[in-house]
Protein backbone atom coordinates (compact mmCIF):
# COMPACT_ATOMS: atom_id res chain seq x y z
CA UNK A 1 87.11 127.95 100.42
CA UNK A 2 88.73 124.58 101.03
CA UNK A 3 85.29 122.87 100.99
CA UNK A 4 84.48 124.50 97.64
CA UNK A 5 87.75 123.23 96.24
CA UNK A 6 87.37 119.70 97.59
CA UNK A 7 83.90 119.42 96.10
CA UNK A 8 85.50 119.44 92.67
CA UNK A 9 87.81 116.55 93.39
CA UNK A 10 87.40 112.89 92.62
CA UNK A 11 87.17 110.86 95.82
CA UNK A 12 85.30 113.28 98.03
CA UNK A 13 86.02 111.45 101.25
CA UNK A 14 84.67 114.16 103.53
CA UNK A 15 81.34 114.58 101.82
CA UNK A 16 77.91 113.95 103.34
CA UNK A 17 77.51 110.91 101.11
CA UNK A 18 80.76 109.41 102.47
CA UNK A 19 79.70 110.07 106.06
CA UNK A 20 76.35 108.40 105.44
CA UNK A 21 78.09 105.42 103.83
CA UNK A 22 80.36 104.98 106.84
CA UNK A 23 77.49 105.40 109.30
CA UNK A 24 75.66 102.53 107.61
CA UNK A 25 78.46 100.14 108.49
CA UNK A 26 76.77 97.87 111.02
CA UNK A 27 79.34 95.08 111.28
CA UNK A 28 81.24 95.63 114.50
CA UNK A 29 84.42 93.95 113.18
CA UNK A 30 84.51 96.22 110.13
CA UNK A 31 83.83 99.30 112.23
CA UNK A 32 86.64 98.40 114.64
CA UNK A 33 89.07 97.85 111.77
CA UNK A 34 88.16 101.14 110.08
CA UNK A 35 88.68 102.92 113.40
CA UNK A 36 92.01 101.19 113.88
CA UNK A 37 93.05 102.25 110.37
CA UNK A 38 92.06 105.86 111.08
CA UNK A 39 93.97 105.82 114.36
CA UNK A 40 97.26 104.45 113.05
CA UNK A 41 97.73 105.74 109.49
CA UNK A 42 98.63 109.36 108.78
CA UNK A 43 95.58 111.02 107.26
CA UNK A 44 95.85 112.31 103.70
CA UNK A 45 93.52 113.60 101.04
CA UNK A 46 91.92 111.03 98.71
CA UNK A 47 92.97 108.08 100.88
CA UNK A 48 91.25 108.56 104.24
CA UNK A 49 88.87 107.69 105.68
CA UNK A 50 88.64 104.26 104.11
CA UNK A 51 85.16 103.07 103.15
CA UNK A 52 85.41 99.33 103.77
CA UNK A 53 87.81 96.56 104.75
CA UNK A 54 88.82 94.01 102.14
CA UNK A 55 89.63 90.39 102.92
CA UNK A 56 89.98 88.82 99.49
CA UNK A 57 89.90 89.44 95.75
CA UNK A 58 89.34 87.20 92.76
CA UNK A 59 88.80 87.81 89.06
CA UNK A 60 87.08 91.19 88.66
CA UNK A 61 85.87 91.23 92.29
CA UNK A 62 87.14 92.64 95.57
CA UNK A 63 85.53 91.10 98.66
CA UNK A 64 84.96 92.65 102.06
CA UNK A 65 84.98 91.16 105.57
CA UNK A 66 81.36 90.04 105.34
CA UNK A 67 81.82 88.43 101.97
CA UNK A 68 80.18 91.20 99.92
CA UNK A 69 81.60 91.37 96.42
CA UNK A 70 82.25 94.55 94.50
CA UNK A 71 82.89 94.49 90.77
CA UNK A 72 86.09 96.55 90.70
CA UNK A 73 86.01 99.04 87.85
CA UNK A 74 88.70 101.18 89.54
CA UNK A 75 91.50 99.00 90.90
CA UNK A 76 94.01 101.88 90.76
CA UNK A 77 94.62 100.58 87.23
CA UNK A 78 96.82 97.70 88.41
CA UNK A 79 94.20 94.99 87.87
CA UNK A 80 94.19 94.80 84.08
CA UNK A 81 94.13 91.01 84.13
CA UNK A 82 92.07 90.57 87.27
CA UNK A 83 92.88 89.46 90.79
CA UNK A 84 94.44 86.12 91.66
CA UNK A 85 95.00 85.27 88.03
CA UNK A 86 96.37 81.74 88.44
CA UNK A 87 98.24 81.91 85.16
CA UNK A 88 100.30 84.78 86.57
CA UNK A 89 100.46 83.88 90.27
CA UNK A 90 101.79 80.38 89.54
CA UNK A 91 104.69 81.88 87.59
CA UNK A 92 105.48 84.39 90.35
CA UNK A 93 105.30 81.69 93.06
CA UNK A 94 107.77 79.57 91.09
CA UNK A 95 110.10 82.54 90.73
CA UNK A 96 109.92 83.14 94.50
CA UNK A 97 111.30 79.64 95.05
CA UNK A 98 114.35 80.32 92.89
CA UNK A 99 115.28 84.03 92.88
CA UNK A 100 113.07 86.49 94.72
CA UNK A 101 115.50 89.42 94.81
CA UNK A 102 118.44 90.46 92.68
CA UNK A 103 121.01 92.84 94.19
CA UNK A 104 121.55 95.85 91.97
CA UNK A 105 125.09 94.94 90.89
CA UNK A 106 123.78 91.71 89.28
CA UNK A 107 121.21 91.05 86.58
CA UNK A 108 118.79 88.18 86.07
CA UNK A 109 117.04 86.38 83.22
CA UNK A 110 113.43 87.62 83.90
CA UNK A 111 114.60 91.25 83.94
CA UNK A 112 116.50 90.86 80.67
CA UNK A 113 113.61 89.04 79.00
CA UNK A 114 111.11 91.70 80.07
CA UNK A 115 113.32 94.51 78.83
CA UNK A 116 113.51 92.78 75.47
CA UNK A 117 109.72 92.25 75.37
CA UNK A 118 108.85 95.86 76.19
CA UNK A 119 111.12 97.50 73.62
CA UNK A 120 109.45 98.38 70.34
CA UNK A 121 110.78 100.10 67.24
CA UNK A 122 112.86 103.13 68.14
CA UNK A 123 112.27 102.66 71.85
CA UNK A 124 115.14 100.26 72.39
CA UNK A 125 116.50 101.14 75.86
CA UNK A 126 114.85 100.40 79.22
CA UNK A 127 115.22 101.14 82.91
CA UNK A 128 112.99 99.60 85.57
CA UNK A 129 111.77 101.21 88.79
CA UNK A 130 109.60 100.09 91.72
CA UNK A 131 106.79 102.46 90.78
CA UNK A 132 105.49 104.88 88.17
CA UNK A 133 106.40 107.99 90.17
CA UNK A 134 110.02 106.85 90.31
CA UNK A 135 110.03 106.17 86.56
CA UNK A 136 108.75 109.72 85.92
CA UNK A 137 111.67 110.98 87.99
CA UNK A 138 114.10 108.99 85.83
CA UNK A 139 112.52 110.40 82.67
CA UNK A 140 112.87 113.98 83.93
CA UNK A 141 116.54 113.38 84.83
CA UNK A 142 117.29 111.77 81.48
CA UNK A 143 115.69 114.68 79.64
CA UNK A 144 117.97 117.13 81.50
CA UNK A 145 121.07 115.08 80.63
CA UNK A 146 120.15 114.72 76.95
CA UNK A 147 119.02 118.32 76.29
CA UNK A 148 121.04 120.29 78.82
CA UNK A 149 117.81 122.10 79.68
CA UNK A 150 115.78 121.91 82.88
CA UNK A 151 112.45 123.48 81.88
CA UNK A 152 109.44 121.32 81.14
CA UNK A 153 105.96 121.85 79.77
CA UNK A 154 103.08 119.74 81.18
CA UNK A 155 99.31 120.01 81.46
CA UNK A 156 97.04 121.46 84.09
CA UNK A 157 94.94 118.68 85.71
CA UNK A 158 97.52 116.04 84.75
CA UNK A 159 98.78 113.44 87.20
CA UNK A 160 102.28 111.98 86.97
CA UNK A 161 102.83 110.68 90.51
CA UNK A 162 103.01 111.94 94.06
CA UNK A 163 106.72 112.68 94.73
CA UNK A 164 107.95 116.28 94.78
CA UNK A 165 109.39 116.15 91.26
CA UNK A 166 106.36 114.37 89.75
CA UNK A 167 103.81 116.69 91.36
CA UNK A 168 105.83 119.62 90.04
CA UNK A 169 105.10 118.51 86.48
CA UNK A 170 101.66 117.30 87.51
CA UNK A 171 98.83 119.80 87.30
CA UNK A 172 96.48 118.99 90.20
CA UNK A 173 96.29 121.68 92.86
CA UNK A 174 95.35 119.16 95.52
CA UNK A 175 98.90 117.78 95.26
CA UNK A 176 100.52 121.24 95.33
CA UNK A 177 98.54 122.78 98.15
CA UNK A 178 100.60 124.03 101.16
CA UNK A 179 103.89 122.59 99.80
CA UNK A 180 105.59 125.82 98.78
CA UNK A 181 108.04 126.10 95.84
CA UNK A 182 108.10 123.06 93.54
CA UNK A 183 110.59 121.99 90.86
CA UNK A 184 111.95 125.08 89.12
CA UNK A 185 111.04 125.44 85.45
CA UNK A 186 107.77 123.46 85.55
CA UNK A 187 105.50 125.29 83.12
CA UNK A 188 101.85 124.29 82.76
CA UNK A 189 99.48 124.71 79.80
CA UNK A 190 95.80 123.86 79.30
CA UNK A 191 94.99 120.23 78.41
CA UNK A 192 93.35 119.55 75.02
CA UNK A 193 89.72 119.59 76.14
CA UNK A 194 87.59 121.42 73.54
CA UNK A 195 84.35 120.57 75.36
CA UNK A 196 85.26 121.97 78.75
CA UNK A 197 88.43 123.95 78.07
CA UNK A 198 89.15 127.54 77.10
CA UNK A 199 89.35 126.89 73.34
CA UNK A 200 86.95 124.94 71.15
CA UNK A 201 89.57 124.14 68.54
CA UNK A 202 91.89 121.35 69.65
CA UNK A 203 94.75 122.63 67.50
CA UNK A 204 94.70 125.89 69.49
CA UNK A 205 96.04 123.94 72.47
CA UNK A 206 98.92 122.63 70.32
CA UNK A 207 99.59 126.05 68.89
CA UNK A 208 99.78 127.52 72.39
CA UNK A 209 102.38 124.91 73.36
CA UNK A 210 104.54 126.00 70.42
CA UNK A 211 104.02 129.62 71.43
CA UNK A 212 105.31 128.84 74.97
CA UNK A 213 108.30 126.88 73.60
CA UNK A 214 109.27 129.81 71.37
CA UNK A 215 108.81 132.41 74.10
CA UNK A 216 110.70 130.43 76.75
CA UNK A 217 113.47 129.33 74.40
CA UNK A 218 114.95 126.67 76.66
CA UNK A 219 112.33 123.97 77.12
CA UNK A 220 113.87 120.52 77.45
CA UNK A 221 110.82 118.29 77.54
CA UNK A 222 107.08 118.14 77.07
CA UNK A 223 105.48 115.56 79.38
CA UNK A 224 101.88 114.50 78.88
CA UNK A 225 99.46 111.64 79.28
CA UNK A 226 98.78 110.13 75.85
CA UNK A 227 95.16 109.69 76.97
CA UNK A 228 94.25 111.18 80.33
CA UNK A 229 93.05 108.23 82.40
CA UNK A 230 91.51 110.13 85.32
CA UNK A 231 88.60 111.70 83.48
CA UNK A 232 89.29 110.10 80.09
CA UNK A 233 90.39 112.93 77.80
CA UNK A 234 91.13 111.48 74.36
CA UNK A 235 93.06 113.73 71.97
CA UNK A 236 92.78 113.27 68.22
CA UNK A 237 95.44 111.78 65.96
CA UNK A 238 95.93 115.24 64.44
CA UNK A 239 96.68 116.76 67.84
CA UNK A 240 99.36 114.25 68.71
CA UNK A 241 100.97 114.39 65.27
CA UNK A 242 101.11 118.17 65.58
CA UNK A 243 102.75 117.96 69.02
CA UNK A 244 105.25 115.42 67.72
CA UNK A 245 106.14 117.83 64.93
CA UNK A 246 106.45 120.74 67.32
CA UNK A 247 108.76 118.81 69.68
CA UNK A 248 110.97 117.62 66.82
CA UNK A 249 111.16 121.11 65.30
CA UNK A 250 112.23 122.75 68.56
CA UNK A 251 114.47 120.01 69.97
CA UNK A 252 112.08 119.24 72.83
CA UNK A 253 111.86 115.68 74.11
CA UNK A 254 108.35 114.21 74.09
CA UNK A 255 107.74 112.18 77.24
CA UNK A 256 104.52 110.18 77.25
CA UNK A 257 103.11 108.96 80.56
CA UNK A 258 101.15 105.73 79.99
CA UNK A 259 101.46 104.46 83.57
CA UNK A 260 97.72 103.78 84.09
CA UNK A 261 96.79 102.85 80.53
CA UNK A 262 99.63 100.58 79.35
CA UNK A 263 99.17 96.82 79.03
CA UNK A 264 96.20 97.01 76.66
CA UNK A 265 93.76 99.34 78.43
CA UNK A 266 93.12 101.34 75.22
CA UNK A 267 93.15 98.38 72.81
CA UNK A 268 96.89 98.33 72.07
CA UNK A 269 99.82 97.51 74.32
CA UNK A 270 100.80 101.19 74.28
CA UNK A 271 98.29 103.93 73.51
CA UNK A 272 100.72 105.96 71.37
CA UNK A 273 100.71 103.14 68.82
CA UNK A 274 97.21 104.27 67.82
CA UNK A 275 98.39 107.79 67.00
CA UNK A 276 101.07 107.15 64.40
CA UNK A 277 103.80 108.77 66.53
CA UNK A 278 106.73 107.64 68.63
CA UNK A 279 107.69 109.47 71.84
CA UNK A 280 111.28 110.08 72.83
CA UNK A 281 110.62 108.62 76.25
CA UNK A 282 107.75 106.38 77.39
CA UNK A 283 106.85 105.67 81.03
CA UNK A 284 104.93 102.55 82.11
CA UNK A 285 103.68 101.23 85.42
CA UNK A 286 100.64 100.03 87.42
CA UNK A 287 99.28 97.12 85.33
CA UNK A 288 102.80 96.22 84.27
CA UNK A 289 103.19 94.35 87.54
CA UNK A 290 99.90 92.49 86.94
CA UNK A 291 98.46 93.64 90.25
CA UNK A 292 101.00 91.55 92.16
CA UNK A 293 104.34 93.31 92.27
CA UNK A 294 105.00 97.06 92.02
CA UNK A 295 106.75 97.48 88.67
CA UNK A 296 107.41 100.38 86.34
CA UNK A 297 109.61 101.08 83.33
CA UNK A 298 111.08 103.93 81.33
CA UNK A 299 111.72 103.30 77.62
CA UNK A 300 113.71 105.63 75.42
CA UNK A 301 115.45 105.84 72.07
CA UNK A 302 118.95 104.43 71.59
CA UNK A 303 120.44 107.89 70.97
CA UNK A 304 119.56 108.88 74.54
CA UNK A 305 121.78 106.24 76.11
CA UNK A 306 124.04 109.04 77.39
CA UNK A 307 123.71 108.95 81.16
CA UNK A 308 126.26 106.29 82.16
CA UNK A 309 128.04 108.87 84.32
CA UNK A 310 125.06 109.41 86.65
CA UNK A 311 122.47 107.24 88.40
CA UNK A 312 119.10 107.84 86.79
CA UNK A 313 117.40 105.27 89.00
CA UNK A 314 119.60 103.16 91.25
CA UNK A 315 116.57 101.72 93.05
CA UNK A 316 116.97 98.78 95.43
CA UNK A 317 114.29 96.82 93.61
CA UNK A 318 115.32 97.95 90.13
CA UNK A 319 115.73 94.66 88.21
CA UNK A 320 113.13 92.95 90.39
CA UNK A 321 112.89 89.28 89.23
CA UNK A 322 109.42 88.93 90.78
CA UNK A 323 108.06 92.03 89.06
CA UNK A 324 109.67 91.04 85.79
CA UNK A 325 108.18 87.57 86.03
CA UNK A 326 104.74 88.99 86.76
CA UNK A 327 104.98 91.31 83.75
CA UNK A 328 106.21 88.55 81.45
CA UNK A 329 103.35 86.29 82.56
CA UNK A 330 100.90 89.12 81.96
CA UNK A 331 102.22 89.65 78.43
CA UNK A 332 102.03 85.92 77.74
CA UNK A 333 98.49 85.77 79.09
CA UNK A 334 97.41 88.67 76.92
CA UNK A 335 98.77 86.97 73.82
CA UNK A 336 97.45 83.49 74.61
CA UNK A 337 93.93 84.67 75.47
CA UNK A 338 93.79 87.42 72.80
CA UNK A 339 93.03 90.13 75.36
CA UNK A 340 93.55 92.99 72.93
CA UNK A 341 90.93 91.57 70.59
CA UNK A 342 88.52 91.37 73.52
CA UNK A 343 89.24 94.97 74.51
CA UNK A 344 88.43 96.17 71.00
CA UNK A 345 85.19 94.19 71.01
CA UNK A 346 84.21 95.66 74.37
CA UNK A 347 84.97 99.16 73.13
CA UNK A 348 82.29 98.78 70.46
CA UNK A 349 79.86 97.14 72.87
CA UNK A 350 80.29 99.68 75.67
CA UNK A 351 79.99 102.51 73.14
CA UNK A 352 76.68 101.13 71.87
CA UNK A 353 75.34 100.75 75.42
CA UNK A 354 76.25 104.32 76.32
CA UNK A 355 75.30 106.03 73.07
CA UNK A 356 72.38 107.86 74.70
CA UNK A 357 74.53 109.16 77.57
CA UNK A 358 77.21 111.86 77.51
CA UNK A 359 80.14 109.43 77.39
CA UNK A 360 83.50 108.86 75.78
CA UNK A 361 85.96 106.03 75.73
CA UNK A 362 88.76 104.11 74.13
CA UNK A 363 89.16 100.36 74.59
CA UNK A 364 88.08 99.60 78.14
CA UNK A 365 88.70 103.11 79.44
CA UNK A 366 85.40 105.02 79.70
CA UNK A 367 83.87 108.11 81.20
CA UNK A 368 80.25 109.12 81.71
CA UNK A 369 79.29 112.70 82.59
CA UNK A 370 76.72 112.96 85.38
CA UNK A 371 75.73 115.94 87.47
CA UNK A 372 74.89 113.58 90.34
CA UNK A 373 78.14 111.61 89.96
CA UNK A 374 78.88 111.29 93.65
CA UNK A 375 75.37 110.05 94.47
CA UNK A 376 75.59 107.58 91.56
CA UNK A 377 78.84 106.22 93.03
CA UNK A 378 77.29 105.36 96.38
CA UNK A 379 74.18 103.91 94.79
CA UNK A 380 76.39 101.64 92.70
CA UNK A 381 78.52 100.67 95.70
CA UNK A 382 75.33 99.52 97.40
CA UNK A 383 74.71 97.31 94.35
CA UNK A 384 78.25 95.87 94.39
CA UNK A 385 79.99 98.05 91.81
CA UNK A 386 83.05 100.22 92.53
CA UNK A 387 84.51 102.86 90.20
CA UNK A 388 86.14 106.31 90.38
CA UNK A 389 84.57 109.73 90.32
CA UNK A 390 86.73 112.37 88.68
CA UNK A 391 86.50 116.14 88.35
CA UNK A 392 83.40 116.10 90.48
CA UNK A 393 81.05 114.90 87.75
CA UNK A 394 82.72 112.15 85.75
CA UNK A 395 82.11 108.44 86.31
CA UNK A 396 85.49 106.94 85.35
CA UNK A 397 85.34 103.25 84.48
CA UNK A 398 88.44 101.04 84.33
CA UNK A 399 87.12 97.44 84.28
CA UNK A 400 89.65 94.60 84.25
CA UNK A 401 90.40 93.63 80.67
CA UNK A 402 89.13 90.10 81.39
CA UNK A 403 85.62 91.42 82.22
CA UNK A 404 83.09 89.52 80.10
CA UNK A 405 80.32 91.05 77.99
CA UNK A 406 77.75 89.78 80.46
CA UNK A 407 79.63 91.35 83.40
CA UNK A 408 79.99 94.62 81.48
CA UNK A 409 76.23 94.63 80.80
CA UNK A 410 75.47 93.96 84.45
CA UNK A 411 77.68 96.86 85.56
CA UNK A 412 76.24 99.25 82.97
CA UNK A 413 72.71 98.29 83.99
CA UNK A 414 73.57 99.25 87.59
CA UNK A 415 75.12 102.58 86.46
CA UNK A 416 72.30 103.56 84.13
CA UNK A 417 69.72 102.74 86.77
CA UNK A 418 71.64 104.74 89.38
CA UNK A 419 71.92 107.77 87.10
C-alpha cells in the first residue's frame, strides 16, 4: 500500500529509475560522499537518498563534483535571479562587513527599507521570518487574534510548509502520515481543478467553500495558494473574485500563500495582482532571499495591527539585515534589468513552444503532463537538465527568471525529445 501511494508523489526517490541513476555513479569521490550523506543525515521522504553532489553554482546552472552542469529548472524556487548573481552578492558581502546580525530588540535600515518596498496598497504592515513555514505560522496566529476563531479552510494537495501547524493546513498526505492528530479545526476542501477534480465547473469549488463556511459557522480564515506552484494549477480571475466576495461576506480572512511564486515568477511581483483582488494576509518567502539568505515575510492590512500583546513571530533572525539586503538587491535588479518584462515575453514563447503538448503556465511557471514523467526526468538529467516531477505525471518547470530565450529553447528541446 505504501508503494502504491509513493508512486503518486513527486520526487520518487525509492523508484527503480532512482536506483538505476545512483548505480550509474562511477566517480568514487561522489559515491563516497553520497554514502557519507546517507550515513549521517536522518532519512526522510522526498529528500533522501540524494542523487548527486554539488560543488558550485552559477547563473542558471548547478555543477557537480565532476564539473557536469545541470540547467536548474527546479531550484526549490529560491533561484529566481540565478546563482552567484554578482549584483546581489556584492551588496550582501558589503552588508556583512557592517552589520551581519541585528538583535531582536533593535531595528536596522535594510529591514525598514525592505518593509517599505514590499508593502503595496492596503497591505501596509509587515513581519519578517527566517522561512516561509514560520511566516505561515504567523499568519495563522494573526488570523486567530483578529477573528477570535480558530477554524481554517484550506485545499487538499496544497503545501504551506513542513512544521506541525503548516502541515495541518497543508493538504498532502505524505506530510500527515503517521503523525497523529494535527491542528484542531483544519478543514480541507477540493482544489479548483476542473480537469482532474471532482467537478468540471470551477465555480462549483467556490460554491462548496461557501457551503462549508455556512455549515461550520465559525471559520476564521481561508488559506490558499494563489497559483499552485507544485503542479501549476491556475485558477481563473472569476474564481478568485468569487472567493474574495465569499470571504468578505462571511468575515473570513483570505490568506494567500505566494511563498514559491513571489518575486516575479508569474509575471508580476505578486500573483494576486493579476486577479483584481487583495488578500487580507499575504505570505512570501523562498526567492525573497535571492537564493542567498533564508527570508520570508507576512504582509497584512493596517486594520489587523492588533496583536501587540502577543508575539506573532519573535524569531532570532527576524529583522535579518543580510536577508533584507539580499531582497532589496533582488528588487533593484528586477527593476534595472526589466525582469518582469522578460518573464512576460517568455510566457508567450514557452506557450508557443508547448502548444502541441498538454501544458499550462503563467509567466515562467509551467507544467507539462506526461504519462512517462519519471522516465522523462532521468533522461533530461542525463542531458543536463533538472526539474521537478509532481503528482506522478507532471513535469513542473521553474526556470530562473534570468534564463534567456536560447536557454529556454535548449531546455524545451531536451524535454520534448525525452517525452
